[in-house]
């Protein structure tokens, strides 16, 4: 999905000059590189377990994109005023 307008662009300034992050795929790739550089796998260590359903599960640290709660957006925008 194309990013139409940045409201907040994080610590890395993804929406700023020279970043050229205007697509969610590019944002996910950039965030992934930051997670790799910060050794995010060390935050919780290796997590692997068998659930009571017999399936094997792995725990990971990740960056994901989700629709924002309208109350959260309102609060953030009020902080800028």
PDB file of N, CA and C in Angstrom:
ATOM      1  N   UNK A   1       0.837  -1.173   0.000  1.00  0.00           N
ATOM      2  CA  UNK A   1       0.000   0.000   0.000  1.00  0.00           C
ATOM      3  C   UNK A   1       0.888   1.245   0.000  1.00  0.00           C
ATOM      4  N   UNK A   2       0.475   2.248  -0.738  1.00  0.00           N
ATOM      5  CA  UNK A   2       1.211   3.507  -0.791  1.00  0.00           C
ATOM      6  C   UNK A   2       0.896   4.351   0.438  1.00  0.00           C
ATOM      7  N   UNK A   3       1.912   5.009   0.993  1.00  0.00           N
ATOM      8  CA  UNK A   3       1.741   5.911   2.139  1.00  0.00           C
ATOM      9  C   UNK A   3       1.400   7.291   1.587  1.00  0.00           C
ATOM     10  N   UNK A   4       0.206   7.773   1.887  1.00  0.00           N
ATOM     11  CA  UNK A   4      -0.273   9.047   1.360  1.00  0.00           C
ATOM     12  C   UNK A   4       0.333  10.227   2.118  1.00  0.00           C
ATOM     13  N   UNK A   5       0.373  10.135   3.448  1.00  0.00           N
ATOM     14  CA  UNK A   5       0.850  11.251   4.267  1.00  0.00           C
ATOM     15  C   UNK A   5       1.369  10.714   5.592  1.00  0.00           C
ATOM     16  N   UNK A   6       2.542  11.148   5.991  1.00  0.00           N
ATOM     17  CA  UNK A   6       3.105  10.773   7.275  1.00  0.00           C
ATOM     18  C   UNK A   6       2.554  11.702   8.356  1.00  0.00           C
ATOM     19  N   UNK A   7       2.054  11.146   9.458  1.00  0.00           N
ATOM     20  CA  UNK A   7       1.624  11.938  10.608  1.00  0.00           C
ATOM     21  C   UNK A   7       2.726  11.952  11.662  1.00  0.00           C
ATOM     22  N   UNK A   8       3.372  10.837  11.837  1.00  0.00           N
ATOM     23  CA  UNK A   8       4.575  10.690  12.666  1.00  0.00           C
ATOM     24  C   UNK A   8       5.462   9.694  11.939  1.00  0.00           C
ATOM     25  N   UNK A   9       6.756   9.965  11.856  1.00  0.00           N
ATOM     26  CA  UNK A   9       7.607   9.070  11.067  1.00  0.00           C
ATOM     27  C   UNK A   9       8.695   8.378  11.879  1.00  0.00           C
ATOM     28  N   UNK A  10       8.508   8.284  13.191  1.00  0.00           N
ATOM     29  CA  UNK A  10       9.390   7.495  14.041  1.00  0.00           C
ATOM     30  C   UNK A  10      10.757   8.096  14.275  1.00  0.00           C
ATOM     31  N   UNK A  11      11.571   7.373  15.004  1.00  0.00           N
ATOM     32  CA  UNK A  11      12.918   7.833  15.369  1.00  0.00           C
ATOM     33  C   UNK A  11      13.850   7.944  14.175  1.00  0.00           C
ATOM     34  N   UNK A  12      13.568   7.188  13.118  1.00  0.00           N
ATOM     35  CA  UNK A  12      14.434   7.187  11.949  1.00  0.00           C
ATOM     36  C   UNK A  12      14.032   8.221  10.909  1.00  0.00           C
ATOM     37  N   UNK A  13      12.913   8.913  11.121  1.00  0.00           N
ATOM     38  CA  UNK A  13      12.466   9.915  10.160  1.00  0.00           C
ATOM     39  C   UNK A  13      12.117   9.336   8.807  1.00  0.00           C
ATOM     40  N   UNK A  14      11.389   8.229   8.802  1.00  0.00           N
ATOM     41  CA  UNK A  14      11.063   7.538   7.553  1.00  0.00           C
ATOM     42  C   UNK A  14      10.371   8.438   6.534  1.00  0.00           C
ATOM     43  N   UNK A  15       9.660   9.464   6.981  1.00  0.00           N
ATOM     44  CA  UNK A  15       8.968  10.344   6.058  1.00  0.00           C
ATOM     45  C   UNK A  15       9.776  11.552   5.650  1.00  0.00           C
ATOM     46  N   UNK A  16      10.977  11.681   6.163  1.00  0.00           N
ATOM     47  CA  UNK A  16      11.798  12.856   5.917  1.00  0.00           C
ATOM     48  C   UNK A  16      12.610  12.781   4.632  1.00  0.00           C
ATOM     49  N   UNK A  17      13.285  13.884   4.329  1.00  0.00           N
ATOM     50  CA  UNK A  17      14.100  13.942   3.110  1.00  0.00           C
ATOM     51  C   UNK A  17      15.164  12.841   3.067  1.00  0.00           C
ATOM     52  N   UNK A  18      15.297  12.223   1.912  1.00  0.00           N
ATOM     53  CA  UNK A  18      16.319  11.198   1.729  1.00  0.00           C
ATOM     54  C   UNK A  18      15.893   9.797   2.119  1.00  0.00           C
ATOM     55  N   UNK A  19      14.818   9.671   2.859  1.00  0.00           N
ATOM     56  CA  UNK A  19      14.385   8.335   3.279  1.00  0.00           C
ATOM     57  C   UNK A  19      13.613   7.618   2.175  1.00  0.00           C
ATOM     58  N   UNK A  20      12.780   8.348   1.461  1.00  0.00           N
ATOM     59  CA  UNK A  20      12.010   7.794   0.355  1.00  0.00           C
ATOM     60  C   UNK A  20      11.193   6.563   0.736  1.00  0.00           C
ATOM     61  N   UNK A  21      10.557   6.610   1.898  1.00  0.00           N
ATOM     62  CA  UNK A  21       9.676   5.525   2.330  1.00  0.00           C
ATOM     63  C   UNK A  21       8.238   5.977   2.084  1.00  0.00           C
ATOM     64  N   UNK A  22       7.688   5.562   0.944  1.00  0.00           N
ATOM     65  CA  UNK A  22       6.342   5.957   0.563  1.00  0.00           C
ATOM     66  C   UNK A  22       5.446   4.745   0.304  1.00  0.00           C
ATOM     67  N   UNK A  23       5.917   3.572   0.696  1.00  0.00           N
ATOM     68  CA  UNK A  23       5.161   2.338   0.476  1.00  0.00           C
ATOM     69  C   UNK A  23       5.331   1.460   1.710  1.00  0.00           C
ATOM     70  N   UNK A  24       4.270   0.757   2.097  1.00  0.00           N
ATOM     71  CA  UNK A  24       4.346  -0.077   3.307  1.00  0.00           C
ATOM     72  C   UNK A  24       5.376  -1.191   3.172  1.00  0.00           C
ATOM     73  N   UNK A  25       5.563  -1.711   1.953  1.00  0.00           N
ATOM     74  CA  UNK A  25       6.574  -2.763   1.757  1.00  0.00           C
ATOM     75  C   UNK A  25       7.971  -2.224   2.092  1.00  0.00           C
ATOM     76  N   UNK A  26       8.253  -1.002   1.651  1.00  0.00           N
ATOM     77  CA  UNK A  26       9.544  -0.375   1.939  1.00  0.00           C
ATOM     78  C   UNK A  26       9.696  -0.123   3.433  1.00  0.00           C
ATOM     79  N   UNK A  27       8.621   0.289   4.080  1.00  0.00           N
ATOM     80  CA  UNK A  27       8.641   0.521   5.525  1.00  0.00           C
ATOM     81  C   UNK A  27       8.933  -0.774   6.285  1.00  0.00           C
ATOM     82  N   UNK A  28       8.290  -1.856   5.900  1.00  0.00           N
ATOM     83  CA  UNK A  28       8.524  -3.142   6.555  1.00  0.00           C
ATOM     84  C   UNK A  28       9.972  -3.603   6.365  1.00  0.00           C
ATOM     85  N   UNK A  29      10.508  -3.405   5.170  1.00  0.00           N
ATOM     86  CA  UNK A  29      11.911  -3.777   4.917  1.00  0.00           C
ATOM     87  C   UNK A  29      12.858  -2.942   5.778  1.00  0.00           C
ATOM     88  N   UNK A  30      12.603  -1.631   5.863  1.00  0.00           N
ATOM     89  CA  UNK A  30      13.457  -0.744   6.660  1.00  0.00           C
ATOM     90  C   UNK A  30      13.376  -1.096   8.140  1.00  0.00           C
ATOM     91  N   UNK A  31      12.176  -1.354   8.620  1.00  0.00           N
ATOM     92  CA  UNK A  31      12.009  -1.732  10.029  1.00  0.00           C
ATOM     93  C   UNK A  31      12.686  -3.071  10.306  1.00  0.00           C
ATOM     94  N   UNK A  32      12.602  -3.990   9.368  1.00  0.00           N
ATOM     95  CA  UNK A  32      13.265  -5.286   9.519  1.00  0.00           C
ATOM     96  C   UNK A  32      14.770  -5.143   9.628  1.00  0.00           C
ATOM     97  N   UNK A  33      15.343  -4.264   8.792  1.00  0.00           N
ATOM     98  CA  UNK A  33      16.789  -4.024   8.875  1.00  0.00           C
ATOM     99  C   UNK A  33      17.161  -3.446  10.238  1.00  0.00           C
ATOM    100  N   UNK A  34      16.335  -2.537  10.758  1.00  0.00           N
ATOM    101  CA  UNK A  34      16.610  -1.964  12.082  1.00  0.00           C
ATOM    102  C   UNK A  34      16.521  -3.030  13.171  1.00  0.00           C
ATOM    103  N   UNK A  35      15.541  -3.920  13.056  1.00  0.00           N
ATOM    104  CA  UNK A  35      15.429  -5.006  14.031  1.00  0.00           C
ATOM    105  C   UNK A  35      16.660  -5.906  13.973  1.00  0.00           C
ATOM    106  N   UNK A  36      17.123  -6.212  12.773  1.00  0.00           N
ATOM    107  CA  UNK A  36      18.325  -7.036  12.622  1.00  0.00           C
ATOM    108  C   UNK A  36      19.544  -6.345  13.229  1.00  0.00           C
ATOM    109  N   UNK A  37      19.703  -5.056  12.938  1.00  0.00           N
ATOM    110  CA  UNK A  37      20.853  -4.302  13.450  1.00  0.00           C
ATOM    111  C   UNK A  37      20.834  -4.173  14.969  1.00  0.00           C
ATOM    112  N   UNK A  38      19.636  -4.192  15.563  1.00  0.00           N
ATOM    113  CA  UNK A  38      19.540  -4.030  17.011  1.00  0.00           C
ATOM    114  C   UNK A  38      19.552  -5.373  17.747  1.00  0.00           C
ATOM    115  N   UNK A  39      19.805  -6.439  17.003  1.00  0.00           N
ATOM    116  CA  UNK A  39      19.837  -7.784  17.581  1.00  0.00           C
ATOM    117  C   UNK A  39      18.533  -8.095  18.320  1.00  0.00           C
ATOM    118  N   UNK A  40      17.419  -7.808  17.662  1.00  0.00           N
ATOM    119  CA  UNK A  40      16.109  -8.004  18.282  1.00  0.00           C
ATOM    120  C   UNK A  40      15.895  -9.446  18.739  1.00  0.00           C
ATOM    121  N   UNK A  41      16.590 -10.392  18.115  1.00  0.00           N
ATOM    122  CA  UNK A  41      16.455 -11.786  18.526  1.00  0.00           C
ATOM    123  C   UNK A  41      16.965 -11.993  19.957  1.00  0.00           C
ATOM    124  N   UNK A  42      17.783 -11.058  20.456  1.00  0.00           N
ATOM    125  CA  UNK A  42      18.294 -11.171  21.823  1.00  0.00           C
ATOM    126  C   UNK A  42      17.313 -10.648  22.876  1.00  0.00           C
ATOM    127  N   UNK A  43      16.254  -9.952  22.460  1.00  0.00           N
ATOM    128  CA  UNK A  43      15.300  -9.382  23.422  1.00  0.00           C
ATOM    129  C   UNK A  43      14.694 -10.483  24.284  1.00  0.00           C
ATOM    130  N   UNK A  44      14.191 -11.518  23.670  1.00  0.00           N
ATOM    131  CA  UNK A  44      13.590 -12.621  24.432  1.00  0.00           C
ATOM    132  C   UNK A  44      14.361 -13.920  24.281  1.00  0.00           C
ATOM    133  N   UNK A  45      15.355 -13.947  23.394  1.00  0.00           N
ATOM    134  CA  UNK A  45      16.076 -15.191  23.154  1.00  0.00           C
ATOM    135  C   UNK A  45      15.268 -16.106  22.249  1.00  0.00           C
ATOM    136  N   UNK A  46      15.744 -17.323  22.102  1.00  0.00           N
ATOM    137  CA  UNK A  46      15.065 -18.273  21.228  1.00  0.00           C
ATOM    138  C   UNK A  46      13.866 -18.881  21.950  1.00  0.00           C
ATOM    139  N   UNK A  47      12.684 -18.712  21.376  1.00  0.00           N
ATOM    140  CA  UNK A  47      11.449 -19.239  21.950  1.00  0.00           C
ATOM    141  C   UNK A  47      10.887 -20.284  21.002  1.00  0.00           C
ATOM    142  N   UNK A  48      10.783 -21.498  21.465  1.00  0.00           N
ATOM    143  CA  UNK A  48      10.241 -22.602  20.678  1.00  0.00           C
ATOM    144  C   UNK A  48       9.595 -23.581  21.651  1.00  0.00           C
ATOM    145  N   UNK A  49       8.310 -23.871  21.430  1.00  0.00           N
ATOM    146  CA  UNK A  49       7.633 -24.777  22.361  1.00  0.00           C
ATOM    147  C   UNK A  49       6.517 -25.547  21.668  1.00  0.00           C
ATOM    148  N   UNK A  50       6.134 -26.643  22.297  1.00  0.00           N
ATOM    149  CA  UNK A  50       5.005 -27.429  21.822  1.00  0.00           C
ATOM    150  C   UNK A  50       3.792 -27.065  22.657  1.00  0.00           C
ATOM    151  N   UNK A  51       2.699 -26.736  21.977  1.00  0.00           N
ATOM    152  CA  UNK A  51       1.457 -26.414  22.667  1.00  0.00           C
ATOM    153  C   UNK A  51       0.675 -27.667  22.990  1.00  0.00           C
ATOM    154  N   UNK A  52      -0.347 -27.497  23.821  1.00  0.00           N
ATOM    155  CA  UNK A  52      -1.159 -28.645  24.209  1.00  0.00           C
ATOM    156  C   UNK A  52      -1.896 -29.254  23.018  1.00  0.00           C
ATOM    157  N   UNK A  53      -1.957 -28.493  21.907  1.00  0.00           N
ATOM    158  CA  UNK A  53      -2.587 -29.015  20.697  1.00  0.00           C
ATOM    159  C   UNK A  53      -1.633 -29.858  19.856  1.00  0.00           C
ATOM    160  N   UNK A  54      -0.390 -30.019  20.332  1.00  0.00           N
ATOM    161  CA  UNK A  54       0.593 -30.832  19.630  1.00  0.00           C
ATOM    162  C   UNK A  54       1.384 -30.083  18.564  1.00  0.00           C
ATOM    163  N   UNK A  55       1.027 -28.826  18.295  1.00  0.00           N
ATOM    164  CA  UNK A  55       1.742 -28.031  17.294  1.00  0.00           C
ATOM    165  C   UNK A  55       2.955 -27.356  17.929  1.00  0.00           C
ATOM    166  N   UNK A  56       3.966 -27.112  17.092  1.00  0.00           N
ATOM    167  CA  UNK A  56       5.180 -26.431  17.542  1.00  0.00           C
ATOM    168  C   UNK A  56       5.051 -24.947  17.212  1.00  0.00           C
ATOM    169  N   UNK A  57       5.358 -24.083  18.186  1.00  0.00           N
ATOM    170  CA  UNK A  57       5.247 -22.634  18.037  1.00  0.00           C
ATOM    171  C   UNK A  57       6.598 -21.976  18.266  1.00  0.00           C
ATOM    172  N   UNK A  58       6.795 -20.844  17.585  1.00  0.00           N
ATOM    173  CA  UNK A  58       8.009 -20.062  17.745  1.00  0.00           C
ATOM    174  C   UNK A  58       7.594 -18.648  18.150  1.00  0.00           C
ATOM    175  N   UNK A  59       8.355 -18.016  19.033  1.00  0.00           N
ATOM    176  CA  UNK A  59       8.108 -16.636  19.441  1.00  0.00           C
ATOM    177  C   UNK A  59       9.083 -15.712  18.741  1.00  0.00           C
ATOM    178  N   UNK A  60       8.580 -14.602  18.208  1.00  0.00           N
ATOM    179  CA  UNK A  60       9.429 -13.661  17.494  1.00  0.00           C
ATOM    180  C   UNK A  60       9.128 -12.227  17.913  1.00  0.00           C
ATOM    181  N   UNK A  61      10.087 -11.347  17.678  1.00  0.00           N
ATOM    182  CA  UNK A  61       9.902  -9.908  17.857  1.00  0.00           C
ATOM    183  C   UNK A  61       9.790  -9.331  16.455  1.00  0.00           C
ATOM    184  N   UNK A  62       8.766  -8.524  16.214  1.00  0.00           N
ATOM    185  CA  UNK A  62       8.550  -8.041  14.856  1.00  0.00           C
ATOM    186  C   UNK A  62       7.954  -6.641  14.840  1.00  0.00           C
ATOM    187  N   UNK A  63       7.988  -6.041  13.670  1.00  0.00           N
ATOM    188  CA  UNK A  63       7.325  -4.781  13.396  1.00  0.00           C
ATOM    189  C   UNK A  63       6.141  -5.111  12.505  1.00  0.00           C
ATOM    190  N   UNK A  64       4.962  -4.656  12.870  1.00  0.00           N
ATOM    191  CA  UNK A  64       3.799  -4.928  12.031  1.00  0.00           C
ATOM    192  C   UNK A  64       3.018  -3.635  11.812  1.00  0.00           C
ATOM    193  N   UNK A  65       2.234  -3.616  10.769  1.00  0.00           N
ATOM    194  CA  UNK A  65       1.394  -2.473  10.441  1.00  0.00           C
ATOM    195  C   UNK A  65      -0.052  -2.884  10.664  1.00  0.00           C
ATOM    196  N   UNK A  66      -0.779  -2.082  11.459  1.00  0.00           N
ATOM    197  CA  UNK A  66      -2.181  -2.361  11.759  1.00  0.00           C
ATOM    198  C   UNK A  66      -2.969  -1.058  11.698  1.00  0.00           C
ATOM    199  N   UNK A  67      -4.264  -1.153  11.452  1.00  0.00           N
ATOM    200  CA  UNK A  67      -5.103   0.036  11.427  1.00  0.00           C
ATOM    201  C   UNK A  67      -5.110   0.686  12.810  1.00  0.00           C
ATOM    202  N   UNK A  68      -4.939   1.996  12.851  1.00  0.00           N
ATOM    203  CA  UNK A  68      -4.854   2.724  14.115  1.00  0.00           C
ATOM    204  C   UNK A  68      -6.232   2.929  14.729  1.00  0.00           C
ATOM    205  N   UNK A  69      -6.287   2.806  16.054  1.00  0.00           N
ATOM    206  CA  UNK A  69      -7.496   3.090  16.805  1.00  0.00           C
ATOM    207  C   UNK A  69      -7.771   4.593  16.704  1.00  0.00           C
ATOM    208  N   UNK A  70      -8.996   5.004  16.346  1.00  0.00           N
ATOM    209  CA  UNK A  70      -9.304   6.435  16.208  1.00  0.00           C
ATOM    210  C   UNK A  70      -9.015   7.257  17.472  1.00  0.00           C
ATOM    211  N   UNK A  71      -9.220   6.679  18.640  1.00  0.00           N
ATOM    212  CA  UNK A  71      -8.926   7.403  19.889  1.00  0.00           C
ATOM    213  C   UNK A  71      -7.428   7.671  20.027  1.00  0.00           C
ATOM    214  N   UNK A  72      -6.616   6.722  19.616  1.00  0.00           N
ATOM    215  CA  UNK A  72      -5.160   6.897  19.647  1.00  0.00           C
ATOM    216  C   UNK A  72      -4.749   8.022  18.700  1.00  0.00           C
ATOM    217  N   UNK A  73      -5.312   8.015  17.486  1.00  0.00           N
ATOM    218  CA  UNK A  73      -4.987   9.047  16.499  1.00  0.00           C
ATOM    219  C   UNK A  73      -5.369  10.421  17.040  1.00  0.00           C
ATOM    220  N   UNK A  74      -6.552  10.526  17.630  1.00  0.00           N
ATOM    221  CA  UNK A  74      -7.016  11.794  18.195  1.00  0.00           C
ATOM    222  C   UNK A  74      -6.056  12.284  19.272  1.00  0.00           C
ATOM    223  N   UNK A  75      -5.636  11.383  20.150  1.00  0.00           N
ATOM    224  CA  UNK A  75      -4.710  11.738  21.235  1.00  0.00           C
ATOM    225  C   UNK A  75      -3.378  12.239  20.672  1.00  0.00           C
ATOM    226  N   UNK A  76      -2.834  11.553  19.685  1.00  0.00           N
ATOM    227  CA  UNK A  76      -1.569  11.949  19.074  1.00  0.00           C
ATOM    228  C   UNK A  76      -1.686  13.317  18.409  1.00  0.00           C
ATOM    229  N   UNK A  77      -2.757  13.525  17.678  1.00  0.00           N
ATOM    230  CA  UNK A  77      -2.942  14.796  16.982  1.00  0.00           C
ATOM    231  C   UNK A  77      -3.132  15.947  17.976  1.00  0.00           C
ATOM    232  N   UNK A  78      -3.785  15.684  19.109  1.00  0.00           N
ATOM    233  CA  UNK A  78      -3.965  16.708  20.136  1.00  0.00           C
ATOM    234  C   UNK A  78      -2.629  17.079  20.773  1.00  0.00           C
ATOM    235  N   UNK A  79      -1.707  16.112  20.886  1.00  0.00           N
ATOM    236  CA  UNK A  79      -0.388  16.375  21.451  1.00  0.00           C
ATOM    237  C   UNK A  79       0.401  17.346  20.579  1.00  0.00           C
ATOM    238  N   UNK A  80       0.143  17.338  19.273  1.00  0.00           N
ATOM    239  CA  UNK A  80       0.868  18.211  18.345  1.00  0.00           C
ATOM    240  C   UNK A  80       0.383  19.649  18.420  1.00  0.00           C
ATOM    241  N   UNK A  81      -0.862  19.864  18.863  1.00  0.00           N
ATOM    242  CA  UNK A  81      -1.414  21.225  18.919  1.00  0.00           C
ATOM    243  C   UNK A  81      -0.863  22.049  20.048  1.00  0.00           C
TER     244      UNK A  81
END
